[in-house]
């Protein structure tokens, strides 16, 4: 087993399978045996290897790949695929996998060229098959040994090897040598053509399989993350119940906080760091409760804090749910919750949208404040995207109609969606066209958020 490739007589390679079967799985020469069988093209010996011999060896991935090459060259495509998958599962290098498969294609093309009388082309294919995986000065000797073995497999005379060597640098092709049986020759050609076609399909299938595996892993990873998130939310809900006696506003069946926790935290930060006089919300829910509870906390340490919350909700079901949550937390008097069905809204851009019937309420609100010193916070979390294209666009023009001159912060949720990104561009264009000063802030949250502060700066960004 310590012999070099050059010193191994061809007849010894034929019997090498027996030597391998008696070798310890941890023998450092085990892989060399397989490599030699592959180099000389002893596909039968490779294909007859038992998977159990391989699985405990430290080079099992490479061993499985060489066994796969043996099966493919013998036309056993199903077994070849199994050993390729096994090699991949055992961590086979992608580059090595590609090299072995490409070398196999060249070997098949070489055999086909031999049978069709293209001796020079055949020699080049066999040589390229060896070069792909065994670069170096040993290529010529191994190539000749490989050709001799392939000729024997095809049932052709070994004398053809000398003619191929002579013809390898000659452009003119050597005349075709007939097989002992013309029927056998035709069958061999058709078999090799079919094998080459199947190998091409195998390469494509391998690529498709990798895509399927990647998709599966991504799906599994996402599923595990969602499950972990659900468990964390449930734990927080239980802890919150024992601390306050309040049931959490979430579903125990799935990850379904009505607002993402990171968005809720950002919302609290904005309310804590800004002295708003008025909060307007389009689309009620747990966000309404969060703002009401936050303002109640702020009022504990700010004696002059008196902020009004007005929330518009178009669906009766969600209106009832929000109202029940406010009652449960004792904050029903802290919010002016209004059931506002969607009605046609003609915007200044000439388009008509389905939007909350809020104009009269906003007009009456504006009359109760001194606009010049007013600080307004607007949360845009409705209506849903299914309402129509740019469904949330009317929020800004509706507020500006009645509160122009006030400091207005508009926070748009779900900025991760293309529709919301387009809405922001429409808003910015409208502000620039009407000489408003504003600054913007984009927050990379779970569903992303976008804040436009109007009147807080003379710089447009």
Protein backbone atom coordinates (compact mmCIF):
# COMPACT_ATOMS: atom_id res chain seq x y z
CA UNK A 1 0.00 0.00 0.00
CA UNK A 2 3.02 2.34 0.15
CA UNK A 3 3.76 2.00 -3.56
CA UNK A 4 3.59 5.12 -5.69
CA UNK A 5 1.08 5.33 -8.52
CA UNK A 6 3.86 4.96 -11.11
CA UNK A 7 5.08 1.67 -9.63
CA UNK A 8 1.75 -0.16 -9.42
CA UNK A 9 1.35 -2.67 -12.27
CA UNK A 10 -2.05 -2.54 -13.92
CA UNK A 11 -3.00 -6.11 -12.96
CA UNK A 12 -2.50 -5.22 -9.27
CA UNK A 13 -5.12 -2.50 -9.51
CA UNK A 14 -7.73 -5.02 -10.58
CA UNK A 15 -7.32 -6.98 -7.34
CA UNK A 16 -6.99 -3.94 -5.06
CA UNK A 17 -10.59 -4.18 -3.84
CA UNK A 18 -9.69 -7.20 -1.71
CA UNK A 19 -6.85 -5.30 -0.10
CA UNK A 20 -9.18 -2.41 0.75
CA UNK A 21 -11.81 -4.65 2.28
CA UNK A 22 -9.17 -5.93 4.71
CA UNK A 23 -7.89 -2.48 5.60
CA UNK A 24 -8.75 -0.80 8.87
CA UNK A 25 -11.20 2.12 8.42
CA UNK A 26 -8.64 4.33 10.10
CA UNK A 27 -5.71 3.20 7.92
CA UNK A 28 -4.08 6.34 6.55
CA UNK A 29 -3.56 4.53 3.21
CA UNK A 30 -7.27 3.76 2.84
CA UNK A 31 -7.96 6.91 0.82
CA UNK A 32 -4.91 6.26 -1.38
CA UNK A 33 -6.41 2.90 -2.40
CA UNK A 34 -9.62 4.56 -3.54
CA UNK A 35 -7.73 7.29 -5.37
CA UNK A 36 -5.69 4.69 -7.25
CA UNK A 37 -8.81 2.80 -8.27
CA UNK A 38 -10.29 6.06 -9.55
CA UNK A 39 -7.12 7.08 -11.38
CA UNK A 40 -6.93 3.77 -13.22
CA UNK A 41 -10.66 3.76 -13.90
CA UNK A 42 -11.55 0.59 -12.00
CA UNK A 43 -15.18 1.63 -11.66
CA UNK A 44 -16.40 -1.85 -10.78
CA UNK A 45 -14.18 -2.10 -7.72
CA UNK A 46 -15.23 1.35 -6.54
CA UNK A 47 -18.92 0.63 -7.10
CA UNK A 48 -18.70 -2.61 -5.09
CA UNK A 49 -17.54 -0.82 -1.95
CA UNK A 50 -19.85 -1.18 1.07
CA UNK A 51 -21.11 2.01 2.67
CA UNK A 52 -20.45 0.51 6.12
CA UNK A 53 -16.73 0.40 5.31
CA UNK A 54 -16.73 4.15 4.74
CA UNK A 55 -18.84 5.72 7.45
CA UNK A 56 -16.31 5.50 10.30
CA UNK A 57 -13.33 6.72 8.31
CA UNK A 58 -12.07 10.27 8.80
CA UNK A 59 -12.02 10.76 4.98
CA UNK A 60 -15.46 9.27 4.46
CA UNK A 61 -16.73 12.24 2.41
CA UNK A 62 -13.99 11.83 -0.21
CA UNK A 63 -14.38 8.04 -0.17
CA UNK A 64 -18.14 8.29 -0.78
CA UNK A 65 -17.52 10.70 -3.66
CA UNK A 66 -15.12 8.27 -5.37
CA UNK A 67 -17.62 5.43 -4.93
CA UNK A 68 -20.26 7.70 -6.52
CA UNK A 69 -17.93 8.21 -9.50
CA UNK A 70 -17.67 4.44 -9.89
CA UNK A 71 -21.43 4.00 -9.94
CA UNK A 72 -21.97 6.84 -12.41
CA UNK A 73 -19.38 5.45 -14.85
CA UNK A 74 -21.12 2.07 -14.69
CA UNK A 75 -24.46 3.71 -15.46
CA UNK A 76 -25.87 3.20 -11.96
CA UNK A 77 -27.20 6.74 -11.69
CA UNK A 78 -29.51 6.09 -8.72
CA UNK A 79 -26.68 4.65 -6.61
CA UNK A 80 -24.39 7.43 -7.80
CA UNK A 81 -26.83 10.06 -6.59
CA UNK A 82 -27.12 8.35 -3.21
CA UNK A 83 -23.38 8.39 -2.64
CA UNK A 84 -23.12 12.01 -3.82
CA UNK A 85 -25.73 13.00 -1.24
CA UNK A 86 -23.85 10.94 1.33
CA UNK A 87 -20.61 12.74 0.47
CA UNK A 88 -22.41 16.09 0.83
CA UNK A 89 -23.90 15.08 4.17
CA UNK A 90 -20.43 14.15 5.37
CA UNK A 91 -19.07 17.58 4.44
CA UNK A 92 -17.56 17.02 1.00
CA UNK A 93 -15.87 20.09 -0.45
CA UNK A 94 -17.98 21.62 -3.26
CA UNK A 95 -14.92 22.22 -5.42
CA UNK A 96 -13.81 18.59 -5.15
CA UNK A 97 -17.35 17.42 -5.92
CA UNK A 98 -17.40 19.53 -9.08
CA UNK A 99 -13.93 18.29 -10.12
CA UNK A 100 -14.90 14.63 -9.80
CA UNK A 101 -18.16 15.13 -11.72
CA UNK A 102 -16.43 17.09 -14.49
CA UNK A 103 -13.69 14.45 -14.69
CA UNK A 104 -16.43 11.84 -15.07
CA UNK A 105 -17.93 13.74 -17.99
CA UNK A 106 -14.55 13.80 -19.75
CA UNK A 107 -14.12 10.06 -19.15
CA UNK A 108 -17.54 9.33 -20.67
CA UNK A 109 -16.81 11.55 -23.65
CA UNK A 110 -13.46 9.80 -24.08
CA UNK A 111 -15.12 6.40 -24.22
CA UNK A 112 -17.66 7.69 -26.71
CA UNK A 113 -14.89 9.16 -28.87
CA UNK A 114 -13.05 5.83 -28.87
CA UNK A 115 -16.15 4.00 -30.12
CA UNK A 116 -16.75 6.57 -32.86
CA UNK A 117 -13.15 6.42 -34.11
CA UNK A 118 -12.06 9.86 -32.86
CA UNK A 119 -8.86 8.60 -31.27
CA UNK A 120 -7.12 11.96 -30.81
CA UNK A 121 -10.21 13.46 -29.22
CA UNK A 122 -10.58 10.39 -27.01
CA UNK A 123 -7.02 10.69 -25.72
CA UNK A 124 -7.53 14.38 -24.91
CA UNK A 125 -10.73 13.67 -22.98
CA UNK A 126 -9.09 10.92 -20.90
CA UNK A 127 -6.10 13.18 -20.28
CA UNK A 128 -8.36 16.06 -19.24
CA UNK A 129 -10.26 13.73 -16.91
CA UNK A 130 -7.02 12.95 -15.06
CA UNK A 131 -5.73 16.54 -15.13
CA UNK A 132 -8.92 17.82 -13.53
CA UNK A 133 -8.15 15.99 -10.30
CA UNK A 134 -4.48 14.91 -10.52
CA UNK A 135 -2.35 17.82 -11.73
CA UNK A 136 1.36 17.15 -12.11
CA UNK A 137 3.98 15.12 -13.91
CA UNK A 138 2.23 11.78 -13.30
CA UNK A 139 -0.66 12.64 -15.64
CA UNK A 140 0.75 10.99 -18.83
CA UNK A 141 1.40 7.62 -17.13
CA UNK A 142 -1.94 7.59 -15.31
CA UNK A 143 -3.73 8.62 -18.51
CA UNK A 144 -2.25 5.65 -20.40
CA UNK A 145 -3.25 3.28 -17.62
CA UNK A 146 -6.75 4.81 -17.54
CA UNK A 147 -7.13 4.37 -21.30
CA UNK A 148 -5.99 0.75 -21.11
CA UNK A 149 -8.62 0.00 -18.47
CA UNK A 150 -11.39 1.77 -20.41
CA UNK A 151 -10.51 -0.14 -23.58
CA UNK A 152 -10.79 -3.39 -21.61
CA UNK A 153 -14.18 -2.34 -20.26
CA UNK A 154 -15.38 -1.57 -23.80
CA UNK A 155 -14.08 -4.94 -25.08
CA UNK A 156 -11.56 -3.33 -27.43
CA UNK A 157 -8.00 -4.41 -28.16
CA UNK A 158 -5.26 -2.96 -25.95
CA UNK A 159 -3.26 -2.36 -29.14
CA UNK A 160 -5.53 0.59 -29.75
CA UNK A 161 -3.74 2.42 -26.93
CA UNK A 162 -0.53 2.71 -28.99
CA UNK A 163 -2.47 4.09 -31.95
CA UNK A 164 -4.18 6.65 -29.66
CA UNK A 165 -0.82 7.80 -28.30
CA UNK A 166 0.48 8.27 -31.82
CA UNK A 167 -2.66 10.14 -32.85
CA UNK A 168 -3.01 12.40 -29.80
CA UNK A 169 -1.12 15.29 -31.43
CA UNK A 170 -2.32 14.54 -34.96
CA UNK A 171 -5.29 16.49 -36.26
CA UNK A 172 -6.22 13.71 -38.66
CA UNK A 173 -8.34 11.07 -36.98
CA UNK A 174 -7.38 7.37 -37.00
CA UNK A 175 -9.88 5.14 -38.84
CA UNK A 176 -12.53 3.49 -36.69
CA UNK A 177 -11.68 0.11 -35.19
CA UNK A 178 -14.57 -2.28 -35.20
CA UNK A 179 -15.78 -3.98 -32.12
CA UNK A 180 -16.04 -7.77 -32.22
CA UNK A 181 -19.79 -7.25 -32.58
CA UNK A 182 -21.36 -4.35 -34.48
CA UNK A 183 -24.49 -4.70 -32.38
CA UNK A 184 -22.45 -4.47 -29.20
CA UNK A 185 -20.71 -1.35 -30.51
CA UNK A 186 -24.03 0.38 -31.25
CA UNK A 187 -25.37 -0.53 -27.83
CA UNK A 188 -22.22 0.80 -26.15
CA UNK A 189 -22.48 4.11 -28.00
CA UNK A 190 -26.13 4.50 -27.06
CA UNK A 191 -25.37 3.61 -23.44
CA UNK A 192 -22.65 6.25 -23.23
CA UNK A 193 -24.88 8.87 -24.85
CA UNK A 194 -27.60 8.09 -22.34
CA UNK A 195 -25.08 8.16 -19.49
CA UNK A 196 -23.83 11.59 -20.56
CA UNK A 197 -27.40 12.94 -20.76
CA UNK A 198 -28.20 11.50 -17.33
CA UNK A 199 -25.05 13.05 -15.89
CA UNK A 200 -26.08 16.45 -17.21
CA UNK A 201 -29.47 16.01 -15.59
CA UNK A 202 -27.71 14.97 -12.37
CA UNK A 203 -25.74 18.21 -12.31
CA UNK A 204 -28.92 20.21 -12.79
CA UNK A 205 -30.71 18.09 -10.20
CA UNK A 206 -27.87 18.70 -7.76
CA UNK A 207 -28.27 22.45 -8.21
CA UNK A 208 -32.03 22.16 -7.71
CA UNK A 209 -31.50 20.01 -4.61
CA UNK A 210 -29.19 22.64 -3.11
CA UNK A 211 -31.90 25.26 -3.63
CA UNK A 212 -34.46 22.99 -1.94
CA UNK A 213 -32.11 22.38 0.99
CA UNK A 214 -31.46 26.11 1.37
CA UNK A 215 -35.21 26.84 1.31
CA UNK A 216 -35.83 24.11 3.87
CA UNK A 217 -33.13 25.44 6.19
CA UNK A 218 -34.45 29.00 5.89
CA UNK A 219 -37.98 27.79 6.63
CA UNK A 220 -36.83 25.70 9.59
CA UNK A 221 -34.77 28.55 10.99
CA UNK A 222 -37.69 30.96 10.69
CA UNK A 223 -40.03 28.44 12.31
CA UNK A 224 -37.67 27.98 15.26
CA UNK A 225 -37.25 31.74 15.68
CA UNK A 226 -41.02 32.26 15.63
CA UNK A 227 -41.50 29.52 18.20
CA UNK A 228 -38.82 31.01 20.46
CA UNK A 229 -40.46 34.44 20.09
CA UNK A 230 -43.85 32.97 21.01
CA UNK A 231 -42.41 31.39 24.14
CA UNK A 232 -40.73 34.63 25.21
CA UNK A 233 -43.95 36.57 24.65
CA UNK A 234 -45.91 33.99 26.65
CA UNK A 235 -43.42 34.20 29.52
CA UNK A 236 -43.63 38.00 29.53
CA UNK A 237 -47.41 37.73 29.45
CA UNK A 238 -47.47 35.41 32.47
CA UNK A 239 -45.02 37.62 34.36
CA UNK A 240 -47.06 40.71 33.52
CA UNK A 241 -50.25 39.06 34.73
CA UNK A 242 -48.79 38.22 38.13
CA UNK A 243 -47.32 41.71 38.44
CA UNK A 244 -50.40 43.69 37.40
CA UNK A 245 -53.30 41.26 37.10
CA UNK A 246 -53.72 42.19 33.41
CA UNK A 247 -53.98 39.56 30.70
CA UNK A 248 -51.59 40.20 27.79
CA UNK A 249 -52.95 41.37 24.44
CA UNK A 250 -51.61 38.52 22.35
CA UNK A 251 -52.59 35.16 20.89
CA UNK A 252 -51.23 32.04 22.56
CA UNK A 253 -51.42 30.18 19.23
CA UNK A 254 -48.75 32.16 17.39
CA UNK A 255 -46.46 35.18 17.43
CA UNK A 256 -49.10 37.86 17.15
CA UNK A 257 -48.40 40.92 19.22
CA UNK A 258 -50.67 43.54 17.58
CA UNK A 259 -47.54 45.71 17.47
CA UNK A 260 -43.96 44.45 17.46
CA UNK A 261 -42.18 44.85 20.83
CA UNK A 262 -39.41 46.96 19.28
CA UNK A 263 -41.99 49.30 17.74
CA UNK A 264 -43.78 49.56 21.11
CA UNK A 265 -40.49 50.51 22.80
CA UNK A 266 -39.77 53.15 20.15
CA UNK A 267 -43.27 54.53 20.67
CA UNK A 268 -42.64 54.84 24.41
CA UNK A 269 -39.28 56.56 23.78
CA UNK A 270 -40.95 59.17 21.55
CA UNK A 271 -43.65 59.95 24.09
CA UNK A 272 -41.15 60.15 26.95
CA UNK A 273 -38.71 62.45 25.13
CA UNK A 274 -41.24 64.84 23.56
CA UNK A 275 -43.79 67.05 25.29
CA UNK A 276 -46.71 66.41 22.96
CA UNK A 277 -50.01 68.23 23.50
CA UNK A 278 -52.11 66.07 21.19
CA UNK A 279 -51.86 62.49 19.89
CA UNK A 280 -53.81 61.41 16.82
CA UNK A 281 -53.90 57.73 15.90
CA UNK A 282 -55.19 56.21 12.66
CA UNK A 283 -55.90 52.53 13.36
CA UNK A 284 -56.49 51.52 16.99
CA UNK A 285 -55.28 48.49 18.91
CA UNK A 286 -52.68 47.59 21.54
CA UNK A 287 -50.74 50.69 20.43
CA UNK A 288 -53.61 52.77 21.81
CA UNK A 289 -53.30 51.07 25.20
CA UNK A 290 -49.50 51.42 25.17
CA UNK A 291 -49.71 55.18 24.55
CA UNK A 292 -52.38 55.64 27.20
CA UNK A 293 -50.37 53.71 29.80
CA UNK A 294 -47.18 55.56 28.86
CA UNK A 295 -48.87 58.95 29.29
CA UNK A 296 -50.25 57.81 32.64
CA UNK A 297 -46.72 56.96 33.76
CA UNK A 298 -45.43 60.30 32.50
CA UNK A 299 -48.17 62.12 34.39
CA UNK A 300 -46.88 60.59 37.64
CA UNK A 301 -43.67 62.63 37.42
CA UNK A 302 -44.87 65.60 35.36
CA UNK A 303 -47.55 67.49 37.22
CA UNK A 304 -48.50 69.70 34.28
CA UNK A 305 -48.76 66.81 31.80
CA UNK A 306 -52.18 66.69 30.16
CA UNK A 307 -52.13 65.05 26.73
CA UNK A 308 -55.21 64.20 24.71
CA UNK A 309 -55.34 60.97 22.64
CA UNK A 310 -57.77 60.68 19.73
CA UNK A 311 -57.88 57.32 17.97
CA UNK A 312 -59.84 56.51 14.79
CA UNK A 313 -60.92 52.94 14.01
CA UNK A 314 -63.06 51.94 11.02
CA UNK A 315 -63.84 48.31 11.93
CA UNK A 316 -66.44 47.74 14.63
CA UNK A 317 -64.74 44.52 15.79
CA UNK A 318 -61.41 46.22 16.50
CA UNK A 319 -63.13 49.25 17.96
CA UNK A 320 -64.84 46.94 20.47
CA UNK A 321 -61.57 45.09 21.24
CA UNK A 322 -59.64 48.32 21.86
CA UNK A 323 -62.46 49.69 24.01
CA UNK A 324 -62.48 46.49 26.09
CA UNK A 325 -58.68 46.69 26.57
CA UNK A 326 -58.92 50.30 27.71
CA UNK A 327 -61.66 49.42 30.19
CA UNK A 328 -59.65 46.47 31.50
CA UNK A 329 -56.66 48.72 32.19
CA UNK A 330 -58.77 51.53 33.64
CA UNK A 331 -57.78 53.95 30.86
CA UNK A 332 -61.03 54.29 28.95
CA UNK A 333 -61.29 58.00 29.94
CA UNK A 334 -57.74 58.69 28.71
CA UNK A 335 -58.60 58.09 25.05
CA UNK A 336 -61.22 59.51 22.73
CA UNK A 337 -61.83 56.35 20.73
CA UNK A 338 -63.94 57.04 17.64
CA UNK A 339 -65.60 54.54 15.31
CA UNK A 340 -64.93 56.10 11.90
CA UNK A 341 -66.08 54.12 8.84
CA UNK A 342 -64.06 54.58 5.68
CA UNK A 343 -65.41 57.17 3.26
CA UNK A 344 -64.13 58.57 -0.07
CA UNK A 345 -61.40 61.18 0.53
CA UNK A 346 -60.38 63.48 -2.32
CA UNK A 347 -56.73 64.41 -1.84
CA UNK A 348 -54.98 67.49 -3.24
CA UNK A 349 -53.13 65.25 -5.71
CA UNK A 350 -56.46 64.56 -7.44
CA UNK A 351 -56.78 60.95 -6.27
CA UNK A 352 -59.65 59.57 -4.21
CA UNK A 353 -58.91 57.21 -1.32
CA UNK A 354 -61.01 55.24 1.17
CA UNK A 355 -60.12 56.85 4.48
CA UNK A 356 -61.39 57.45 8.00
CA UNK A 357 -64.30 59.88 8.33
CA UNK A 358 -62.20 62.11 10.57
CA UNK A 359 -62.34 65.59 9.02
CA UNK A 360 -65.02 67.06 11.31
CA UNK A 361 -63.30 65.76 14.46
CA UNK A 362 -59.91 67.13 13.35
CA UNK A 363 -61.47 70.51 12.53
CA UNK A 364 -63.09 70.75 15.97
CA UNK A 365 -59.83 69.71 17.69
CA UNK A 366 -57.82 72.40 15.91
CA UNK A 367 -60.11 75.08 17.29
CA UNK A 368 -59.33 74.10 20.89
CA UNK A 369 -55.56 74.68 20.63
CA UNK A 370 -53.16 77.50 19.89
CA UNK A 371 -51.64 76.11 16.71
CA UNK A 372 -48.37 78.08 16.85
CA UNK A 373 -47.23 76.39 20.08
CA UNK A 374 -48.94 73.04 19.52
CA UNK A 375 -46.93 69.79 19.39
CA UNK A 376 -48.81 66.95 17.67
CA UNK A 377 -47.86 63.29 17.40
CA UNK A 378 -49.57 61.26 14.63
CA UNK A 379 -49.37 57.46 14.58
CA UNK A 380 -50.30 55.97 11.20
CA UNK A 381 -51.09 52.26 11.53
CA UNK A 382 -54.19 52.00 9.35
CA UNK A 383 -56.17 51.40 7.31
CA UNK A 384 -54.79 48.01 6.16
CA UNK A 385 -52.98 47.66 2.84
CA UNK A 386 -55.87 45.58 1.48
CA UNK A 387 -57.95 48.77 1.44
CA UNK A 388 -56.16 49.90 -1.71
CA UNK A 389 -52.92 51.30 -3.09
CA UNK A 390 -51.35 53.97 -0.87
CA UNK A 391 -54.18 53.43 1.62
CA UNK A 392 -52.38 55.39 4.38
CA UNK A 393 -51.38 58.37 2.25
CA UNK A 394 -54.30 60.65 3.37
CA UNK A 395 -53.01 60.75 6.99
CA UNK A 396 -50.55 63.59 6.40
CA UNK A 397 -52.69 65.87 4.20
CA UNK A 398 -55.71 65.31 6.48
CA UNK A 399 -53.73 66.47 9.54
CA UNK A 400 -51.95 69.34 7.77
CA UNK A 401 -55.26 70.72 6.54
CA UNK A 402 -56.21 71.60 10.12
CA UNK A 403 -52.88 71.88 11.97
CA UNK A 404 -50.55 73.70 9.61
CA UNK A 405 -48.04 75.74 11.61
CA UNK A 406 -47.88 73.27 14.49
CA UNK A 407 -44.92 71.01 15.20
CA UNK A 408 -46.09 67.64 13.85
CA UNK A 409 -44.33 64.27 14.18
CA UNK A 410 -45.82 61.60 11.90
CA UNK A 411 -44.78 57.99 12.59
CA UNK A 412 -45.58 55.46 9.85
CA UNK A 413 -45.54 51.77 10.80
CA UNK A 414 -44.86 48.85 8.37
CA UNK A 415 -42.26 50.83 6.42
CA UNK A 416 -40.78 47.50 5.34
CA UNK A 417 -43.51 47.30 2.68
CA UNK A 418 -43.10 48.87 -0.78
CA UNK A 419 -46.46 50.64 -0.53
CA UNK A 420 -45.39 52.51 2.62
CA UNK A 421 -42.08 53.48 1.03
CA UNK A 422 -43.97 54.98 -1.90
CA UNK A 423 -46.28 56.85 0.50
CA UNK A 424 -43.27 58.44 2.20
CA UNK A 425 -41.94 59.64 -1.16
CA UNK A 426 -45.35 61.18 -1.93
CA UNK A 427 -45.38 62.92 1.45
CA UNK A 428 -41.87 64.32 1.04
CA UNK A 429 -42.67 65.60 -2.45
CA UNK A 430 -45.82 67.30 -1.18
CA UNK A 431 -43.94 68.90 1.73
CA UNK A 432 -41.24 70.27 -0.56
CA UNK A 433 -43.80 71.60 -3.04
CA UNK A 434 -45.56 73.47 -0.23
CA UNK A 435 -42.38 74.87 1.38
CA UNK A 436 -42.59 72.87 4.59
CA UNK A 437 -39.39 72.33 6.57
CA UNK A 438 -38.92 68.80 7.88
CA UNK A 439 -36.44 66.14 8.95
CA UNK A 440 -36.82 62.37 8.64
CA UNK A 441 -35.74 59.34 10.68
CA UNK A 442 -35.82 55.75 9.47
CA UNK A 443 -35.83 53.05 12.18
CA UNK A 444 -34.75 49.48 11.38
CA UNK A 445 -37.32 47.63 13.46
CA UNK A 446 -38.97 44.26 12.79
CA UNK A 447 -41.42 45.85 10.36
CA UNK A 448 -39.45 49.10 10.09
CA UNK A 449 -40.84 52.57 10.82
CA UNK A 450 -40.44 56.07 9.36
CA UNK A 451 -40.73 59.33 11.29
CA UNK A 452 -41.26 62.71 9.61
CA UNK A 453 -40.94 65.77 11.86
CA UNK A 454 -42.59 68.77 10.24
CA UNK A 455 -41.66 72.25 11.34
CA UNK A 456 -38.82 71.09 13.61
CA UNK A 457 -36.05 72.19 11.24
CA UNK A 458 -35.42 74.43 8.26
CA UNK A 459 -33.41 71.66 6.62
CA UNK A 460 -35.01 69.17 4.26
CA UNK A 461 -33.42 65.73 4.14
